[in-house]
Amino acid sequence: MKKILFFLCVAFMAQSNITAQKFAYVDVEKILNELPDYQKAQTDLDNIASKWKQEIAQEYDKIKGLYNKYQAEQVLLSDDARKQREDEINQKEKEVRELQKTKFGTDGALFQKRQELVKPIQDKVYAAIEKYALDKTFDFIFDKGTAGMIFSSSKFDVTADISKILNK
C-alpha cells in the first residue's frame, strides 16, 4: 500500500510539472558606480547643478540688496513709491523661485538632463541583467538597493488573469 501511494505521489509530481523558481538579486547602484560613463554623467550633472545653484544664489543676493536698499530708504519714500518697491522685490522673488523650479523642479532642466545622460546607461545595465537572467534561467531578479523587481519571467505574469476576473 505504501509503495502504491509513493508511486502515485511521484506520478502526480511529474504530471503537474512542479519546478522551483530561481531568484537572484543585484546591486544596481554598485554596478552603475563602477561604470566610467555613469561616473562622468554624475560629474556633469553635479557641475550643472552647482552652476545653477550659484546663479540662483546670486539672484537671491540681488534681491537681498534691493531689500536692504528699500529698508534704508523706506522712511523717505512716499506710499506709492514704497508700494512700487515692495512689488518690485516681490516680483523678483517670484521670478527667482520660478527659475529655481524650472531648473530643479520635478520636470525641470536637471531632471531632463539626468534622463538624457543617465537613462541610456541604466537601460544598458538593465538589458545586461535581462540577458543574464535569460541565459541562466532565473525567474526573478531583484535590485538590492530598492528591493524592486528588475526582471521576471513572463510565465509568472498573472496580469491577464486578474484583468479577466475584474472585467467579468
C-alpha atoms as a PDB file:
ATOM      1  CA  MET A   1       0.000   0.000   0.000  1.00  0.00           C
ATOM      2  CA  LYS A   2       2.843   2.394   0.852  1.00  0.00           C
ATOM      3  CA  LYS A   3       4.523   1.604  -2.480  1.00  0.00           C
ATOM      4  CA  ILE A   4       1.362   2.391  -4.393  1.00  0.00           C
ATOM      5  CA  LEU A   5       0.924   5.671  -2.520  1.00  0.00           C
ATOM      6  CA  PHE A   6       4.576   6.571  -3.175  1.00  0.00           C
ATOM      7  CA  PHE A   7       4.228   5.878  -6.914  1.00  0.00           C
ATOM      8  CA  LEU A   8       1.012   7.899  -7.077  1.00  0.00           C
ATOM      9  CA  CYS A   9       2.783  10.877  -5.413  1.00  0.00           C
ATOM     10  CA  VAL A  10       5.723  10.610  -7.812  1.00  0.00           C
ATOM     11  CA  ALA A  11       3.367  10.373 -10.787  1.00  0.00           C
ATOM     12  CA  PHE A  12       1.372  13.351  -9.593  1.00  0.00           C
ATOM     13  CA  MET A  13       4.514  15.469  -9.143  1.00  0.00           C
ATOM     14  CA  ALA A  14       5.809  14.504 -12.578  1.00  0.00           C
ATOM     15  CA  GLN A  15       2.475  15.240 -14.188  1.00  0.00           C
ATOM     16  CA  SER A  16       1.990  18.609 -12.533  1.00  0.00           C
ATOM     17  CA  ASN A  17       5.447  19.725 -13.731  1.00  0.00           C
ATOM     18  CA  ILE A  18       6.378  21.339 -10.421  1.00  0.00           C
ATOM     19  CA  THR A  19       9.551  23.357 -10.694  1.00  0.00           C
ATOM     20  CA  ALA A  20      11.312  25.623  -8.251  1.00  0.00           C
ATOM     21  CA  GLN A  21      11.643  29.249  -9.192  1.00  0.00           C
ATOM     22  CA  LYS A  22      15.120  30.720  -9.355  1.00  0.00           C
ATOM     23  CA  PHE A  23      15.623  34.067  -7.616  1.00  0.00           C
ATOM     24  CA  ALA A  24      18.611  36.381  -7.553  1.00  0.00           C
ATOM     25  CA  TYR A  25      19.424  39.931  -6.607  1.00  0.00           C
ATOM     26  CA  VAL A  26      21.793  42.507  -7.966  1.00  0.00           C
ATOM     27  CA  ASP A  27      23.161  45.766  -6.564  1.00  0.00           C
ATOM     28  CA  VAL A  28      22.411  48.108  -9.472  1.00  0.00           C
ATOM     29  CA  GLU A  29      23.816  51.145  -7.665  1.00  0.00           C
ATOM     30  CA  LYS A  30      27.171  49.413  -7.203  1.00  0.00           C
ATOM     31  CA  ILE A  31      27.255  48.406 -10.867  1.00  0.00           C
ATOM     32  CA  LEU A  32      26.403  51.931 -12.005  1.00  0.00           C
ATOM     33  CA  ASN A  33      29.048  53.467  -9.743  1.00  0.00           C
ATOM     34  CA  GLU A  34      31.674  51.196 -11.295  1.00  0.00           C
ATOM     35  CA  LEU A  35      30.883  52.363 -14.847  1.00  0.00           C
ATOM     36  CA  PRO A  36      33.071  55.240 -16.117  1.00  0.00           C
ATOM     37  CA  ASP A  37      30.227  56.572 -18.305  1.00  0.00           C
ATOM     38  CA  TYR A  38      27.953  56.786 -15.281  1.00  0.00           C
ATOM     39  CA  GLN A  39      30.634  58.482 -13.171  1.00  0.00           C
ATOM     40  CA  LYS A  40      31.164  61.067 -15.922  1.00  0.00           C
ATOM     41  CA  ALA A  41      27.412  61.645 -16.251  1.00  0.00           C
ATOM     42  CA  GLN A  42      27.128  62.143 -12.483  1.00  0.00           C
ATOM     43  CA  THR A  43      30.063  64.588 -12.510  1.00  0.00           C
ATOM     44  CA  ASP A  44      28.489  66.506 -15.397  1.00  0.00           C
ATOM     45  CA  LEU A  45      25.156  66.660 -13.569  1.00  0.00           C
ATOM     46  CA  ASP A  46      26.847  67.820 -10.355  1.00  0.00           C
ATOM     47  CA  ASN A  47      28.663  70.578 -12.266  1.00  0.00           C
ATOM     48  CA  ILE A  48      25.474  71.727 -13.972  1.00  0.00           C
ATOM     49  CA  ALA A  49      23.547  71.722 -10.676  1.00  0.00           C
ATOM     50  CA  SER A  50      26.332  73.623  -8.922  1.00  0.00           C
ATOM     51  CA  LYS A  51      26.389  76.285 -11.663  1.00  0.00           C
ATOM     52  CA  TRP A  52      22.617  76.727 -11.495  1.00  0.00           C
ATOM     53  CA  LYS A  53      22.652  76.884  -7.675  1.00  0.00           C
ATOM     54  CA  GLN A  54      25.287  79.603  -7.878  1.00  0.00           C
ATOM     55  CA  GLU A  55      23.199  81.574 -10.394  1.00  0.00           C
ATOM     56  CA  ILE A  56      20.140  81.329  -8.161  1.00  0.00           C
ATOM     57  CA  ALA A  57      22.145  82.337  -5.079  1.00  0.00           C
ATOM     58  CA  GLN A  58      23.397  85.418  -6.960  1.00  0.00           C
ATOM     59  CA  GLU A  59      19.817  86.346  -7.831  1.00  0.00           C
ATOM     60  CA  TYR A  60      18.790  85.997  -4.182  1.00  0.00           C
ATOM     61  CA  ASP A  61      21.749  88.213  -3.238  1.00  0.00           C
ATOM     62  CA  LYS A  62      20.462  90.865  -5.667  1.00  0.00           C
ATOM     63  CA  ILE A  63      17.044  90.646  -4.038  1.00  0.00           C
ATOM     64  CA  LYS A  64      18.632  90.985  -0.609  1.00  0.00           C
ATOM     65  CA  GLY A  65      20.464  94.098  -1.858  1.00  0.00           C
ATOM     66  CA  LEU A  66      17.199  95.549  -3.163  1.00  0.00           C
ATOM     67  CA  TYR A  67      15.509  94.825   0.151  1.00  0.00           C
ATOM     68  CA  ASN A  68      18.352  96.392   2.181  1.00  0.00           C
ATOM     69  CA  LYS A  69      18.257  99.499  -0.023  1.00  0.00           C
ATOM     70  CA  TYR A  70      14.474  99.627   0.406  1.00  0.00           C
ATOM     71  CA  GLN A  71      14.821  99.338   4.211  1.00  0.00           C
ATOM     72  CA  ALA A  72      17.319 102.209   4.285  1.00  0.00           C
ATOM     73  CA  GLU A  73      15.197 104.493   2.067  1.00  0.00           C
ATOM     74  CA  GLN A  74      11.760 103.413   3.284  1.00  0.00           C
ATOM     75  CA  VAL A  75      11.157 106.398   5.557  1.00  0.00           C
ATOM     76  CA  LEU A  76      11.972 108.841   2.745  1.00  0.00           C
ATOM     77  CA  LEU A  77       9.630 107.228   0.188  1.00  0.00           C
ATOM     78  CA  SER A  78       6.036 108.110  -0.481  1.00  0.00           C
ATOM     79  CA  ASP A  79       3.367 105.463  -0.034  1.00  0.00           C
ATOM     80  CA  ASP A  80       3.210 104.897  -3.794  1.00  0.00           C
ATOM     81  CA  ALA A  81       6.995 104.613  -4.112  1.00  0.00           C
ATOM     82  CA  ARG A  82       7.104 102.223  -1.146  1.00  0.00           C
ATOM     83  CA  LYS A  83       4.388 100.054  -2.671  1.00  0.00           C
ATOM     84  CA  GLN A  84       6.192 100.094  -6.030  1.00  0.00           C
ATOM     85  CA  ARG A  85       9.476  98.950  -4.445  1.00  0.00           C
ATOM     86  CA  GLU A  86       7.741  96.207  -2.435  1.00  0.00           C
ATOM     87  CA  ASP A  87       6.033  94.964  -5.590  1.00  0.00           C
ATOM     88  CA  GLU A  88       9.369  95.049  -7.422  1.00  0.00           C
ATOM     89  CA  ILE A  89      11.059  92.978  -4.692  1.00  0.00           C
ATOM     90  CA  ASN A  90       8.159  90.509  -4.565  1.00  0.00           C
ATOM     91  CA  GLN A  91       8.215  90.168  -8.349  1.00  0.00           C
ATOM     92  CA  LYS A  92      11.973  89.470  -8.325  1.00  0.00           C
ATOM     93  CA  GLU A  93      11.494  86.825  -5.606  1.00  0.00           C
ATOM     94  CA  LYS A  94       8.728  85.225  -7.647  1.00  0.00           C
ATOM     95  CA  GLU A  95      10.966  85.181 -10.751  1.00  0.00           C
ATOM     96  CA  VAL A  96      13.839  83.543  -8.859  1.00  0.00           C
ATOM     97  CA  ARG A  97      11.524  80.908  -7.331  1.00  0.00           C
ATOM     98  CA  GLU A  98      10.232  80.192 -10.839  1.00  0.00           C
ATOM     99  CA  LEU A  99      13.807  79.921 -12.125  1.00  0.00           C
ATOM    100  CA  GLN A 100      14.587  77.517  -9.290  1.00  0.00           C
ATOM    101  CA  LYS A 101      11.530  75.423 -10.176  1.00  0.00           C
ATOM    102  CA  THR A 102      12.483  75.483 -13.873  1.00  0.00           C
ATOM    103  CA  LYS A 103      15.973  74.215 -13.094  1.00  0.00           C
ATOM    104  CA  PHE A 104      15.364  71.871 -10.145  1.00  0.00           C
ATOM    105  CA  GLY A 105      11.647  71.017 -10.233  1.00  0.00           C
ATOM    106  CA  THR A 106      10.261  67.531 -10.826  1.00  0.00           C
ATOM    107  CA  ASP A 107      10.190  68.111 -14.582  1.00  0.00           C
ATOM    108  CA  GLY A 108      12.939  70.705 -14.534  1.00  0.00           C
ATOM    109  CA  ALA A 109      16.038  71.058 -16.631  1.00  0.00           C
ATOM    110  CA  LEU A 110      18.179  68.988 -14.222  1.00  0.00           C
ATOM    111  CA  PHE A 111      15.696  66.106 -14.382  1.00  0.00           C
ATOM    112  CA  GLN A 112      15.668  66.308 -18.185  1.00  0.00           C
ATOM    113  CA  LYS A 113      19.470  66.376 -18.293  1.00  0.00           C
ATOM    114  CA  ARG A 114      19.598  63.370 -15.936  1.00  0.00           C
ATOM    115  CA  GLN A 115      17.249  61.497 -18.277  1.00  0.00           C
ATOM    116  CA  GLU A 116      19.445  62.414 -21.228  1.00  0.00           C
ATOM    117  CA  LEU A 117      22.735  61.377 -19.612  1.00  0.00           C
ATOM    118  CA  VAL A 118      21.865  58.568 -17.180  1.00  0.00           C
ATOM    119  CA  LYS A 119      18.879  56.743 -18.686  1.00  0.00           C
ATOM    120  CA  PRO A 120      20.830  55.205 -21.609  1.00  0.00           C
ATOM    121  CA  ILE A 121      23.386  53.845 -19.145  1.00  0.00           C
ATOM    122  CA  GLN A 122      20.653  52.436 -16.900  1.00  0.00           C
ATOM    123  CA  ASP A 123      18.944  50.862 -19.919  1.00  0.00           C
ATOM    124  CA  LYS A 124      22.245  49.201 -20.847  1.00  0.00           C
ATOM    125  CA  VAL A 125      22.593  47.772 -17.321  1.00  0.00           C
ATOM    126  CA  TYR A 126      19.004  46.510 -17.279  1.00  0.00           C
ATOM    127  CA  ALA A 127      19.480  44.881 -20.696  1.00  0.00           C
ATOM    128  CA  ALA A 128      22.580  43.095 -19.362  1.00  0.00           C
ATOM    129  CA  ILE A 129      20.607  41.915 -16.324  1.00  0.00           C
ATOM    130  CA  GLU A 130      17.805  40.623 -18.522  1.00  0.00           C
ATOM    131  CA  LYS A 131      20.256  38.791 -20.793  1.00  0.00           C
ATOM    132  CA  TYR A 132      21.955  37.240 -17.768  1.00  0.00           C
ATOM    133  CA  ALA A 133      18.591  36.179 -16.316  1.00  0.00           C
ATOM    134  CA  LEU A 134      17.529  34.545 -19.551  1.00  0.00           C
ATOM    135  CA  ASP A 135      20.899  32.847 -20.097  1.00  0.00           C
ATOM    136  CA  LYS A 136      21.000  31.492 -16.538  1.00  0.00           C
ATOM    137  CA  THR A 137      17.255  30.746 -16.465  1.00  0.00           C
ATOM    138  CA  PHE A 138      16.426  32.957 -13.499  1.00  0.00           C
ATOM    139  CA  ASP A 139      12.733  33.584 -12.974  1.00  0.00           C
ATOM    140  CA  PHE A 140      13.117  36.745 -10.887  1.00  0.00           C
ATOM    141  CA  ILE A 141      15.907  39.238 -10.252  1.00  0.00           C
ATOM    142  CA  PHE A 142      15.535  41.961  -7.639  1.00  0.00           C
ATOM    143  CA  ASP A 143      17.528  45.139  -7.055  1.00  0.00           C
ATOM    144  CA  LYS A 144      19.253  45.041  -3.674  1.00  0.00           C
ATOM    145  CA  GLY A 145      19.085  48.811  -3.227  1.00  0.00           C
ATOM    146  CA  THR A 146      15.425  49.409  -3.996  1.00  0.00           C
ATOM    147  CA  ALA A 147      14.135  45.876  -3.424  1.00  0.00           C
ATOM    148  CA  GLY A 148      12.275  46.333  -6.699  1.00  0.00           C
ATOM    149  CA  MET A 149      11.926  43.627  -9.298  1.00  0.00           C
ATOM    150  CA  ILE A 150      14.174  44.166 -12.314  1.00  0.00           C
ATOM    151  CA  PHE A 151      13.410  41.006 -14.234  1.00  0.00           C
ATOM    152  CA  SER A 152      10.622  38.467 -14.120  1.00  0.00           C
ATOM    153  CA  SER A 153       9.853  35.572 -16.365  1.00  0.00           C
ATOM    154  CA  SER A 154       6.648  36.160 -18.294  1.00  0.00           C
ATOM    155  CA  LYS A 155       5.383  32.716 -17.330  1.00  0.00           C
ATOM    156  CA  PHE A 156       4.671  34.118 -13.842  1.00  0.00           C
ATOM    157  CA  ASP A 157       2.733  37.151 -15.101  1.00  0.00           C
ATOM    158  CA  VAL A 158      -0.884  36.814 -13.959  1.00  0.00           C
ATOM    159  CA  THR A 159      -1.962  40.297 -15.067  1.00  0.00           C
ATOM    160  CA  ALA A 160      -4.316  38.983 -17.769  1.00  0.00           C
ATOM    161  CA  ASP A 161      -5.932  36.547 -15.327  1.00  0.00           C
ATOM    162  CA  ILE A 162      -6.602  39.305 -12.809  1.00  0.00           C
ATOM    163  CA  SER A 163      -7.967  41.588 -15.541  1.00  0.00           C
ATOM    164  CA  LYS A 164     -10.353  38.812 -16.641  1.00  0.00           C
ATOM    165  CA  ILE A 165     -11.630  38.450 -13.078  1.00  0.00           C
ATOM    166  CA  LEU A 166     -12.183  42.188 -12.731  1.00  0.00           C
ATOM    167  CA  ASN A 167     -13.841  42.578 -16.140  1.00  0.00           C
ATOM    168  CA  LYS A 168     -16.436  39.850 -15.670  1.00  0.00           C
END
